[in-house]
C-alpha atoms as a PDB file:
ATOM      1  CA  MET A   1     131.282 153.822 100.938  1.00  0.00           C
ATOM      2  CA  LYS A   2     134.859 154.412 102.255  1.00  0.00           C
ATOM      3  CA  LYS A   3     133.323 155.542 105.555  1.00  0.00           C
ATOM      4  CA  ILE A   4     131.305 152.330 105.822  1.00  0.00           C
ATOM      5  CA  ILE A   5     134.315 150.153 104.965  1.00  0.00           C
ATOM      6  CA  LEU A   6     136.342 151.923 107.682  1.00  0.00           C
ATOM      7  CA  LEU A   7     133.550 151.414 110.203  1.00  0.00           C
ATOM      8  CA  PHE A   8     133.371 147.735 109.246  1.00  0.00           C
ATOM      9  CA  THR A   9     137.134 147.396 109.766  1.00  0.00           C
ATOM     10  CA  VAL A  10     137.084 149.055 113.180  1.00  0.00           C
ATOM     11  CA  SER A  11     134.043 147.047 114.281  1.00  0.00           C
ATOM     12  CA  LEU A  12     135.656 143.821 113.103  1.00  0.00           C
ATOM     13  CA  LEU A  13     138.793 144.529 115.134  1.00  0.00           C
ATOM     14  CA  ILE A  14     136.691 145.209 118.215  1.00  0.00           C
ATOM     15  CA  SER A  15     134.499 142.158 117.777  1.00  0.00           C
ATOM     16  CA  SER A  16     137.503 139.892 117.154  1.00  0.00           C
ATOM     17  CA  CYS A  17     138.796 140.725 120.653  1.00  0.00           C
ATOM     18  CA  LYS A  18     135.637 139.437 122.291  1.00  0.00           C
ATOM     19  CA  THR A  19     135.156 135.818 123.288  1.00  0.00           C
ATOM     20  CA  SER A  20     131.924 133.916 122.945  1.00  0.00           C
ATOM     21  CA  ALA A  21     130.701 130.818 124.729  1.00  0.00           C
ATOM     22  CA  LYS A  22     127.868 130.239 122.319  1.00  0.00           C
ATOM     23  CA  LYS A  23     127.734 126.860 120.628  1.00  0.00           C
ATOM     24  CA  GLU A  24     127.313 126.714 116.867  1.00  0.00           C
ATOM     25  CA  GLU A  25     123.782 126.019 115.799  1.00  0.00           C
ATOM     26  CA  LYS A  26     123.258 122.940 113.703  1.00  0.00           C
ATOM     27  CA  GLU A  27     121.757 123.443 110.287  1.00  0.00           C
ATOM     28  CA  GLU A  28     119.381 120.595 110.995  1.00  0.00           C
ATOM     29  CA  ILE A  29     116.914 123.261 112.210  1.00  0.00           C
ATOM     30  CA  GLN A  30     116.267 124.040 108.552  1.00  0.00           C
ATOM     31  CA  LYS A  31     114.484 120.735 108.120  1.00  0.00           C
ATOM     32  CA  GLU A  32     112.310 121.411 111.152  1.00  0.00           C
ATOM     33  CA  LYS A  33     111.447 125.070 110.576  1.00  0.00           C
ATOM     34  CA  TYR A  34     111.226 125.451 106.803  1.00  0.00           C
ATOM     35  CA  PRO A  35     109.595 123.473 104.019  1.00  0.00           C
ATOM     36  CA  GLU A  36     112.078 121.084 102.422  1.00  0.00           C
ATOM     37  CA  ALA A  37     112.164 123.003  99.134  1.00  0.00           C
ATOM     38  CA  LEU A  38     112.811 126.350 100.857  1.00  0.00           C
ATOM     39  CA  ALA A  39     115.540 124.786 103.012  1.00  0.00           C
ATOM     40  CA  LYS A  40     117.262 123.665  99.791  1.00  0.00           C
ATOM     41  CA  VAL A  41     116.896 127.138  98.266  1.00  0.00           C
ATOM     42  CA  LEU A  42     118.412 128.723 101.378  1.00  0.00           C
ATOM     43  CA  GLU A  43     121.272 126.217 101.313  1.00  0.00           C
ATOM     44  CA  LYS A  44     121.921 126.964  97.627  1.00  0.00           C
ATOM     45  CA  HIS A  45     122.269 130.646  98.480  1.00  0.00           C
ATOM     46  CA  GLY A  46     124.754 130.090 101.295  1.00  0.00           C
ATOM     47  CA  GLY A  47     122.770 128.510 104.099  1.00  0.00           C
ATOM     48  CA  ILE A  48     120.736 129.862 106.989  1.00  0.00           C
ATOM     49  CA  LYS A  49     123.719 129.509 109.341  1.00  0.00           C
ATOM     50  CA  THR A  50     125.833 131.841 107.198  1.00  0.00           C
ATOM     51  CA  TRP A  51     122.945 134.312 107.074  1.00  0.00           C
ATOM     52  CA  LYS A  52     122.421 134.292 110.844  1.00  0.00           C
ATOM     53  CA  ASN A  53     126.141 134.723 111.482  1.00  0.00           C
ATOM     54  CA  ALA A  54     126.202 137.865 109.326  1.00  0.00           C
ATOM     55  CA  LYS A  55     125.695 141.092 111.255  1.00  0.00           C
ATOM     56  CA  THR A  56     125.947 143.958 108.750  1.00  0.00           C
ATOM     57  CA  MET A  57     125.011 144.287 105.077  1.00  0.00           C
ATOM     58  CA  SER A  58     125.678 147.199 102.746  1.00  0.00           C
ATOM     59  CA  PHE A  59     124.955 147.798  99.062  1.00  0.00           C
ATOM     60  CA  SER A  60     124.442 150.633  96.576  1.00  0.00           C
ATOM     61  CA  VAL A  61     121.417 151.093  94.324  1.00  0.00           C
ATOM     62  CA  ASN A  62     119.993 154.097  92.443  1.00  0.00           C
ATOM     63  CA  GLY A  63     122.671 156.417  93.805  1.00  0.00           C
ATOM     64  CA  GLU A  64     121.964 155.445  97.419  1.00  0.00           C
ATOM     65  CA  GLU A  65     124.015 153.534  99.992  1.00  0.00           C
ATOM     66  CA  HIS A  66     121.961 151.139 102.109  1.00  0.00           C
ATOM     67  CA  THR A  67     123.403 149.795 105.374  1.00  0.00           C
ATOM     68  CA  VAL A  68     121.483 147.315 107.518  1.00  0.00           C
ATOM     69  CA  ASP A  69     122.135 145.776 110.913  1.00  0.00           C
ATOM     70  CA  LEU A  70     120.816 142.306 110.139  1.00  0.00           C
ATOM     71  CA  PRO A  71     119.813 141.083 113.638  1.00  0.00           C
ATOM     72  CA  THR A  72     117.801 144.233 114.444  1.00  0.00           C
ATOM     73  CA  ARG A  73     117.088 145.505 110.885  1.00  0.00           C
ATOM     74  CA  LYS A  74     118.256 148.986 111.873  1.00  0.00           C
ATOM     75  CA  THR A  75     118.881 150.781 108.598  1.00  0.00           C
ATOM     76  CA  VAL A  76     120.487 153.852 107.061  1.00  0.00           C
ATOM     77  CA  VAL A  77     119.849 154.941 103.468  1.00  0.00           C
ATOM     78  CA  SER A  78     122.095 157.805 102.386  1.00  0.00           C
ATOM     79  CA  SER A  79     122.422 159.871  99.229  1.00  0.00           C
ATOM     80  CA  ASP A  80     123.814 163.280  98.300  1.00  0.00           C
ATOM     81  CA  ALA A  81     120.433 164.937  98.864  1.00  0.00           C
ATOM     82  CA  TYR A  82     118.995 163.116 101.902  1.00  0.00           C
ATOM     83  CA  SER A  83     119.366 160.321 104.408  1.00  0.00           C
ATOM     84  CA  LEU A  84     116.755 158.252 106.176  1.00  0.00           C
ATOM     85  CA  GLY A  85     116.700 155.240 108.379  1.00  0.00           C
ATOM     86  CA  TYR A  86     115.300 153.152 111.183  1.00  0.00           C
ATOM     87  CA  ASP A  87     117.031 153.375 114.579  1.00  0.00           C
ATOM     88  CA  GLY A  88     115.256 150.410 116.148  1.00  0.00           C
ATOM     89  CA  GLU A  89     112.329 152.479 117.418  1.00  0.00           C
ATOM     90  CA  LYS A  90     111.358 155.013 114.777  1.00  0.00           C
ATOM     91  CA  VAL A  91     111.902 155.832 111.110  1.00  0.00           C
ATOM     92  CA  TRP A  92     113.604 159.187 110.499  1.00  0.00           C
ATOM     93  CA  LEU A  93     114.280 161.442 107.497  1.00  0.00           C
ATOM     94  CA  SER A  94     116.984 164.100 107.230  1.00  0.00           C
ATOM     95  CA  GLN A  95     117.256 166.471 104.264  1.00  0.00           C
ATOM     96  CA  GLN A  96     118.309 170.024 103.519  1.00  0.00           C
ATOM     97  CA  ASP A  97     115.587 170.545 100.909  1.00  0.00           C
ATOM     98  CA  SER A  98     112.102 169.409 101.919  1.00  0.00           C
ATOM     99  CA  THR A  99     111.438 168.319  98.326  1.00  0.00           C
ATOM    100  CA  ALA A 100     114.547 166.112  97.994  1.00  0.00           C
ATOM    101  CA  PHE A 101     112.828 162.901  99.111  1.00  0.00           C
ATOM    102  CA  LYS A 102     109.352 162.363  97.695  1.00  0.00           C
ATOM    103  CA  GLY A 103     108.451 158.909  99.039  1.00  0.00           C
ATOM    104  CA  LYS A 104     107.087 157.502 102.294  1.00  0.00           C
ATOM    105  CA  PRO A 105     110.036 156.870 104.672  1.00  0.00           C
ATOM    106  CA  ASP A 106     108.146 154.160 106.608  1.00  0.00           C
ATOM    107  CA  PHE A 107     107.572 152.244 103.373  1.00  0.00           C
ATOM    108  CA  TYR A 108     110.866 153.019 101.654  1.00  0.00           C
ATOM    109  CA  TYR A 109     113.616 152.529 104.229  1.00  0.00           C
ATOM    110  CA  ASN A 110     113.723 148.708 103.910  1.00  0.00           C
ATOM    111  CA  LEU A 111     112.152 148.314 100.441  1.00  0.00           C
ATOM    112  CA  TYR A 112     115.332 147.551  98.512  1.00  0.00           C
ATOM    113  CA  PHE A 113     116.747 145.517 101.379  1.00  0.00           C
ATOM    114  CA  TYR A 114     113.813 143.104 101.101  1.00  0.00           C
ATOM    115  CA  PHE A 115     114.361 142.651  97.378  1.00  0.00           C
ATOM    116  CA  TYR A 116     118.129 142.377  97.776  1.00  0.00           C
ATOM    117  CA  ALA A 117     118.218 139.993 100.756  1.00  0.00           C
ATOM    118  CA  MET A 118     116.034 137.366  99.098  1.00  0.00           C
ATOM    119  CA  PRO A 119     115.570 134.509  99.811  1.00  0.00           C
ATOM    120  CA  PHE A 120     116.839 134.945 103.383  1.00  0.00           C
ATOM    121  CA  VAL A 121     114.239 137.496 104.496  1.00  0.00           C
ATOM    122  CA  LEU A 122     111.661 134.798 103.782  1.00  0.00           C
ATOM    123  CA  ALA A 123     113.110 132.842 106.701  1.00  0.00           C
ATOM    124  CA  ASP A 124     112.077 135.470 109.278  1.00  0.00           C
ATOM    125  CA  ASP A 125     109.873 134.686 112.260  1.00  0.00           C
ATOM    126  CA  GLY A 126     106.101 135.017 111.944  1.00  0.00           C
ATOM    127  CA  ILE A 127     105.940 133.567 108.424  1.00  0.00           C
ATOM    128  CA  VAL A 128     103.467 130.997 107.118  1.00  0.00           C
ATOM    129  CA  TYR A 129     104.486 128.792 104.166  1.00  0.00           C
ATOM    130  CA  SER A 130     102.177 127.100 101.696  1.00  0.00           C
ATOM    131  CA  ASP A 131     102.217 125.653  98.183  1.00  0.00           C
ATOM    132  CA  THR A 132     101.446 127.721  95.101  1.00  0.00           C
ATOM    133  CA  GLU A 133     101.101 127.046  91.388  1.00  0.00           C
ATOM    134  CA  PRO A 134     104.367 126.877  89.406  1.00  0.00           C
ATOM    135  CA  LEU A 135     105.397 129.801  87.230  1.00  0.00           C
ATOM    136  CA  THR A 136     106.074 129.180  83.538  1.00  0.00           C
ATOM    137  CA  PHE A 137     108.479 131.160  81.385  1.00  0.00           C
ATOM    138  CA  GLU A 138     109.711 130.282  77.886  1.00  0.00           C
ATOM    139  CA  GLY A 139     108.430 126.741  78.268  1.00  0.00           C
ATOM    140  CA  LYS A 140     110.154 126.066  81.600  1.00  0.00           C
ATOM    141  CA  SER A 141     108.268 125.484  84.839  1.00  0.00           C
ATOM    142  CA  TYR A 142     109.513 126.953  88.123  1.00  0.00           C
ATOM    143  CA  PRO A 143     108.044 125.458  91.342  1.00  0.00           C
ATOM    144  CA  GLY A 144     106.836 128.006  93.873  1.00  0.00           C
ATOM    145  CA  ILE A 145     106.363 128.606  97.587  1.00  0.00           C
ATOM    146  CA  LYS A 146     103.842 131.106  98.959  1.00  0.00           C
ATOM    147  CA  ILE A 147     104.924 133.207 101.915  1.00  0.00           C
ATOM    148  CA  SER A 148     102.365 135.018 104.072  1.00  0.00           C
ATOM    149  CA  TYR A 149     102.554 136.571 107.524  1.00  0.00           C
ATOM    150  CA  LYS A 150     100.823 136.027 110.816  1.00  0.00           C
ATOM    151  CA  ALA A 151      98.543 138.836 111.991  1.00  0.00           C
ATOM    152  CA  ASN A 152     100.280 141.956 113.336  1.00  0.00           C
ATOM    153  CA  VAL A 153     103.700 140.979 111.954  1.00  0.00           C
ATOM    154  CA  GLY A 154     105.418 144.014 110.431  1.00  0.00           C
ATOM    155  CA  THR A 155     103.772 147.093 108.901  1.00  0.00           C
ATOM    156  CA  SER A 156     102.053 145.118 106.107  1.00  0.00           C
ATOM    157  CA  PRO A 157     101.023 141.698 107.451  1.00  0.00           C
ATOM    158  CA  ASP A 158      98.656 141.180 104.502  1.00  0.00           C
ATOM    159  CA  ASP A 159     101.537 141.171 102.009  1.00  0.00           C
ATOM    160  CA  ASN A 160     102.211 137.926 100.170  1.00  0.00           C
ATOM    161  CA  TYR A 161     105.405 136.767  98.492  1.00  0.00           C
ATOM    162  CA  PHE A 162     105.858 133.960  95.987  1.00  0.00           C
ATOM    163  CA  ILE A 163     109.327 132.539  95.506  1.00  0.00           C
ATOM    164  CA  TYR A 164     110.015 130.474  92.370  1.00  0.00           C
ATOM    165  CA  TYR A 165     113.153 128.382  92.026  1.00  0.00           C
ATOM    166  CA  ASN A 166     115.054 126.324  89.475  1.00  0.00           C
ATOM    167  CA  PRO A 167     113.909 122.707  90.027  1.00  0.00           C
ATOM    168  CA  GLU A 168     117.376 121.331  89.246  1.00  0.00           C
ATOM    169  CA  SER A 169     119.672 123.701  91.148  1.00  0.00           C
ATOM    170  CA  TYR A 170     117.185 125.153  93.700  1.00  0.00           C
ATOM    171  CA  GLN A 171     118.527 128.618  92.898  1.00  0.00           C
ATOM    172  CA  MET A 172     115.937 131.359  93.222  1.00  0.00           C
ATOM    173  CA  GLU A 173     114.845 132.652  89.800  1.00  0.00           C
ATOM    174  CA  TRP A 174     111.663 134.718  90.299  1.00  0.00           C
ATOM    175  CA  LEU A 175     109.802 136.631  92.981  1.00  0.00           C
ATOM    176  CA  GLY A 176     106.108 137.504  93.002  1.00  0.00           C
ATOM    177  CA  TYR A 177     104.793 139.973  95.562  1.00  0.00           C
ATOM    178  CA  THR A 178     101.769 142.062  96.539  1.00  0.00           C
ATOM    179  CA  VAL A 179     101.780 145.544  98.076  1.00  0.00           C
ATOM    180  CA  THR A 180      99.239 146.335 100.802  1.00  0.00           C
ATOM    181  CA  TYR A 181     101.050 149.113 102.701  1.00  0.00           C
ATOM    182  CA  PHE A 182      98.939 151.880 101.168  1.00  0.00           C
ATOM    183  CA  SER A 183      95.539 150.172 100.956  1.00  0.00           C
ATOM    184  CA  LYS A 184      95.882 148.193 104.213  1.00  0.00           C
ATOM    185  CA  LYS A 185      93.791 145.503 102.525  1.00  0.00           C
ATOM    186  CA  PRO A 186      94.671 142.069 101.077  1.00  0.00           C
ATOM    187  CA  SER A 187      95.305 142.144  97.319  1.00  0.00           C
ATOM    188  CA  ASP A 188      95.266 139.597  94.501  1.00  0.00           C
ATOM    189  CA  LYS A 189      97.285 141.924  92.262  1.00  0.00           C
ATOM    190  CA  PHE A 190     100.924 140.923  92.255  1.00  0.00           C
ATOM    191  CA  ASN A 191     104.149 142.021  90.615  1.00  0.00           C
ATOM    192  CA  ILE A 192     106.803 139.685  89.244  1.00  0.00           C
ATOM    193  CA  ILE A 193     110.589 140.123  89.317  1.00  0.00           C
ATOM    194  CA  ARG A 194     113.284 138.090  87.601  1.00  0.00           C
ATOM    195  CA  TYR A 195     116.536 137.628  89.515  1.00  0.00           C
ATOM    196  CA  ASN A 196     118.972 137.894  86.634  1.00  0.00           C
ATOM    197  CA  ASP A 197     122.422 137.193  88.027  1.00  0.00           C
ATOM    198  CA  TRP A 198     124.075 136.550  91.355  1.00  0.00           C
ATOM    199  CA  GLU A 199     127.389 137.069  93.131  1.00  0.00           C
ATOM    200  CA  ASN A 200     128.979 135.470  96.174  1.00  0.00           C
ATOM    201  CA  VAL A 201     129.313 138.053  98.947  1.00  0.00           C
ATOM    202  CA  ASN A 202     131.147 136.569 101.938  1.00  0.00           C
ATOM    203  CA  GLY A 203     129.431 133.214 101.508  1.00  0.00           C
ATOM    204  CA  LEU A 204     125.964 134.494 100.562  1.00  0.00           C
ATOM    205  CA  LEU A 205     124.618 134.334  97.011  1.00  0.00           C
ATOM    206  CA  LEU A 206     123.062 137.784  96.466  1.00  0.00           C
ATOM    207  CA  PRO A 207     121.587 139.432  93.348  1.00  0.00           C
ATOM    208  CA  LYS A 208     123.481 141.842  91.098  1.00  0.00           C
ATOM    209  CA  SER A 209     120.373 142.909  89.181  1.00  0.00           C
ATOM    210  CA  LEU A 210     116.586 142.503  89.117  1.00  0.00           C
ATOM    211  CA  THR A 211     114.102 142.985  86.277  1.00  0.00           C
ATOM    212  CA  TRP A 212     110.374 143.636  86.658  1.00  0.00           C
ATOM    213  CA  TYR A 213     108.312 141.741  84.068  1.00  0.00           C
ATOM    214  CA  LYS A 214     104.949 142.129  82.418  1.00  0.00           C
ATOM    215  CA  LYS A 215     102.476 139.234  82.904  1.00  0.00           C
ATOM    216  CA  ASP A 216      99.943 137.426  80.762  1.00  0.00           C
ATOM    217  CA  GLU A 217      96.366 136.624  81.797  1.00  0.00           C
ATOM    218  CA  LYS A 218      97.587 133.566  83.725  1.00  0.00           C
ATOM    219  CA  GLY A 219     100.094 135.583  85.701  1.00  0.00           C
ATOM    220  CA  ASN A 220     103.157 134.208  83.907  1.00  0.00           C
ATOM    221  CA  PRO A 221     105.947 136.653  82.917  1.00  0.00           C
ATOM    222  CA  THR A 222     106.151 137.677  79.273  1.00  0.00           C
ATOM    223  CA  GLU A 223     108.712 140.445  78.723  1.00  0.00           C
ATOM    224  CA  PRO A 224     110.679 143.027  80.734  1.00  0.00           C
ATOM    225  CA  ALA A 225     108.605 145.973  81.934  1.00  0.00           C
ATOM    226  CA  ARG A 226     111.621 148.214  82.554  1.00  0.00           C
ATOM    227  CA  GLU A 227     115.410 148.290  82.576  1.00  0.00           C
ATOM    228  CA  PRO A 228     117.133 146.064  85.175  1.00  0.00           C
ATOM    229  CA  LEU A 229     117.744 147.480  88.639  1.00  0.00           C
ATOM    230  CA  GLN A 230     121.492 147.257  89.341  1.00  0.00           C
ATOM    231  CA  PHE A 231     123.111 146.606  92.736  1.00  0.00           C
ATOM    232  CA  SER A 232     126.792 147.274  93.429  1.00  0.00           C
ATOM    233  CA  SER A 233     129.414 147.705  96.175  1.00  0.00           C
ATOM    234  CA  ALA A 234     128.006 144.777  98.161  1.00  0.00           C
ATOM    235  CA  LEU A 235     129.457 144.079 101.603  1.00  0.00           C
ATOM    236  CA  VAL A 236     128.489 141.501 104.241  1.00  0.00           C
ATOM    237  CA  THR A 237     130.386 141.239 107.514  1.00  0.00           C
ATOM    238  CA  GLN A 238     130.137 139.504 110.874  1.00  0.00           C
ATOM    239  CA  ALA A 239     131.027 142.790 112.585  1.00  0.00           C
ATOM    240  CA  SER A 240     128.363 145.089 113.983  1.00  0.00           C
ATOM    241  CA  LEU A 241     128.282 148.867 113.678  1.00  0.00           C
ATOM    242  CA  ALA A 242     127.695 151.121 116.672  1.00  0.00           C
ATOM    243  CA  ASP A 243     124.075 151.978 117.488  1.00  0.00           C
ATOM    244  CA  SER A 244     124.908 155.646 116.899  1.00  0.00           C
ATOM    245  CA  PHE A 245     125.496 154.923 113.196  1.00  0.00           C
ATOM    246  CA  PHE A 246     121.750 154.329 112.751  1.00  0.00           C
ATOM    247  CA  GLU A 247     120.559 157.386 114.679  1.00  0.00           C
ATOM    248  CA  GLU A 248     119.156 160.456 112.992  1.00  0.00           C
ATOM    249  CA  PRO A 249     121.882 163.060 112.351  1.00  0.00           C
ATOM    250  CA  LYS A 250     121.780 165.964 114.770  1.00  0.00           C
ATOM    251  CA  LYS A 251     120.819 169.256 113.181  1.00  0.00           C
END
């Protein structure tokens, strides 16, 4: 993490010396591009302008450090036993022991980023929004928005997400999602996550922990299915890291 902080500092000094003639984008585009409810959720979590101005995000989870270049989604995931990432063209895996990493790099490299960067990743291009039934938990109803993807967008265009928000504050409370990466077929089976608590990270409201829940026959959450997933060491900066940071280490 010290290495990343140092890289952020150096990059920030370099970027601060550059001038830009770009005009600030007006947040009125929210009303044109996103459903009204989603625009309010995005605003509650810091606003789409703040998100688009951010260039680099870093966080720790499950003993790994995840670093993402937000405009390009280049990624590095590093741990003591392995590192993997996406350099803008291909996904790579580097490890001393061939048994250290047991997952699918193509599926895994941005998995936690998607959960962590909610709701902002649901404002990406190629998304289709529609209404969905509210979610009910402990007698409270949470309105929802269904998110699906246009054909050939990403590695799993048949995935669906369901965001559920507090009707008073418009803060995101729950996320439903399907997984089609392995089957390559649409699925009606979905998982449900509760976003437990949040923290302000350089103007963005980001989660500190998530909890997967069991569901009843109607698809409403009932009780935790496992211990909460904890995020820590969160950083968001308007400085960009060098392209070489995201390249596969030379052997």
